[in-house]
Amino acid sequence: MRCYIVFDIGGTYVKHAVMNERGDFLEKGRYRSERHDFQRFRDDLLRVVRHAQASYELSGIAISSAGSVDSDIGVIGGSSALPCIHGPNFKDVFGGATGLPVELENDANCAALCTTT
């Protein structure tokens, strides 16, 4: 069964979980959000991915975030409580570092999507 690592980027915490394709939580946690330094934000997120890869064969990364998310390109526009996340291409940065496909969506849209299933 396929497993995915999912992240919800919030102003105070980044929450994360490993889930299977049925939507079952296999593992979850959180860490404090990095507001100003994208390099540190990237390193924190990649540390979680690498930890999960030690226990699971991951098939992809899913990220929900506040802001004006361009899901096709992988960029978060606008502004939010985390200035460092606006601008970098998440698909390039995290996909390139892990070799995994990355999907990115606005957090409110993610909430709406989960109510339709």
Protein backbone atom coordinates (compact mmCIF):
# COMPACT_ATOMS: atom_id res chain seq x y z
CA MET A 1 0.00 0.00 0.00
CA ARG A 2 1.29 3.46 -0.90
CA CYS A 3 2.33 5.89 1.82
CA TYR A 4 2.61 9.66 1.66
CA ILE A 5 4.05 12.32 3.92
CA VAL A 6 1.71 15.26 4.41
CA PHE A 7 2.41 18.69 5.88
CA ASP A 8 0.11 21.47 7.08
CA ILE A 9 2.14 24.68 7.26
CA GLY A 10 0.78 26.92 9.99
CA GLY A 11 1.90 30.18 11.52
CA THR A 12 2.95 28.54 14.79
CA TYR A 13 3.52 24.88 13.91
CA VAL A 14 4.14 22.72 10.89
CA LYS A 15 2.08 19.59 11.45
CA HIS A 16 3.02 16.41 9.59
CA ALA A 17 1.86 12.85 9.19
CA VAL A 18 2.58 9.72 7.25
CA MET A 19 -0.65 8.40 5.75
CA ASN A 20 -1.53 5.46 3.59
CA GLU A 21 -3.67 5.67 0.46
CA ARG A 22 -6.81 4.86 2.49
CA GLY A 23 -6.20 7.97 4.61
CA ASP A 24 -5.08 6.12 7.74
CA PHE A 25 -2.56 7.96 9.93
CA LEU A 26 0.54 5.85 10.45
CA GLU A 27 2.61 8.46 12.29
CA LYS A 28 2.20 12.16 13.11
CA GLY A 29 3.94 15.06 14.79
CA ARG A 30 4.66 18.77 14.70
CA TYR A 31 7.45 21.29 15.06
CA ARG A 32 7.63 25.07 15.40
CA SER A 33 7.35 27.03 12.16
CA GLU A 34 10.33 28.98 10.89
CA ARG A 35 9.13 32.46 9.92
CA HIS A 36 12.03 34.22 8.26
CA ASP A 37 14.71 31.83 7.02
CA PHE A 38 13.68 29.60 4.11
CA GLN A 39 16.91 27.58 4.35
CA ARG A 40 16.03 26.59 7.92
CA PHE A 41 12.37 26.01 6.96
CA ARG A 42 13.57 23.71 4.15
CA ASP A 43 16.01 21.85 6.41
CA ASP A 44 13.34 21.25 9.08
CA LEU A 45 10.86 19.86 6.56
CA LEU A 46 13.47 17.68 4.84
CA ARG A 47 14.58 16.27 8.21
CA VAL A 48 11.01 15.03 8.77
CA VAL A 49 10.82 13.56 5.25
CA ARG A 50 14.12 11.72 5.69
CA HIS A 51 13.05 10.37 9.08
CA ALA A 52 9.85 9.02 7.51
CA GLN A 53 11.78 7.53 4.58
CA ALA A 54 13.76 5.44 7.07
CA SER A 55 10.54 3.64 8.07
CA TYR A 56 8.25 3.93 5.03
CA GLU A 57 8.54 3.75 1.27
CA LEU A 58 7.03 7.14 0.48
CA SER A 59 5.23 7.75 -2.82
CA GLY A 60 4.93 11.54 -2.51
CA ILE A 61 4.70 14.71 -0.46
CA ALA A 62 1.48 16.69 0.05
CA ILE A 63 1.61 20.21 1.48
CA SER A 64 -1.20 22.52 2.57
CA SER A 65 -0.45 26.17 3.29
CA ALA A 66 -2.07 29.52 3.78
CA GLY A 67 -1.55 32.07 1.04
CA SER A 68 -2.20 32.31 -2.64
CA VAL A 69 -1.03 28.85 -3.67
CA ASP A 70 -0.35 28.12 -7.33
CA SER A 71 -0.74 24.34 -7.26
CA ASP A 72 0.38 23.87 -10.86
CA ILE A 73 3.66 25.74 -10.52
CA GLY A 74 4.31 25.02 -6.81
CA VAL A 75 4.69 28.58 -5.54
CA ILE A 76 2.96 30.36 -2.65
CA GLY A 77 2.19 33.99 -3.41
CA GLY A 78 0.69 36.72 -1.30
CA SER A 79 1.67 37.10 2.33
CA SER A 80 1.12 35.24 5.59
CA ALA A 81 2.55 34.82 9.08
CA LEU A 82 5.50 32.97 7.47
CA PRO A 83 7.20 35.39 5.06
CA CYS A 84 9.91 32.91 4.09
CA ILE A 85 7.51 30.52 2.29
CA HIS A 86 6.42 33.09 -0.29
CA GLY A 87 8.37 32.83 -3.52
CA PRO A 88 10.36 29.56 -3.51
CA ASN A 89 9.13 26.80 -5.80
CA PHE A 90 8.13 23.99 -3.42
CA LYS A 91 7.90 21.39 -6.17
CA ASP A 92 11.45 22.14 -7.32
CA VAL A 93 12.96 22.54 -3.85
CA PHE A 94 11.40 19.55 -2.10
CA GLY A 95 10.94 17.32 -5.13
CA GLY A 96 14.52 17.95 -6.17
CA ALA A 97 15.87 17.19 -2.69
CA THR A 98 13.85 13.98 -2.23
CA GLY A 99 13.10 12.65 -5.71
CA LEU A 100 9.42 12.50 -4.72
CA PRO A 101 6.47 14.15 -6.45
CA VAL A 102 5.18 17.17 -4.50
CA GLU A 103 1.64 18.53 -4.47
CA LEU A 104 0.84 21.89 -2.90
CA GLU A 105 -2.59 23.38 -2.15
CA ASN A 106 -4.15 26.22 -0.17
CA ASP A 107 -5.17 25.03 3.30
CA ALA A 108 -8.80 26.18 2.96
CA ASN A 109 -9.06 24.33 -0.35
CA CYS A 110 -7.67 21.21 1.33
CA ALA A 111 -10.36 21.45 3.99
CA ALA A 112 -13.02 21.78 1.31
CA LEU A 113 -11.61 18.82 -0.62
CA CYS A 114 -11.77 16.53 2.38
CA THR A 115 -15.47 17.29 2.91
CA THR A 116 -16.32 16.11 -0.62
CA THR A 117 -15.06 12.55 -0.16
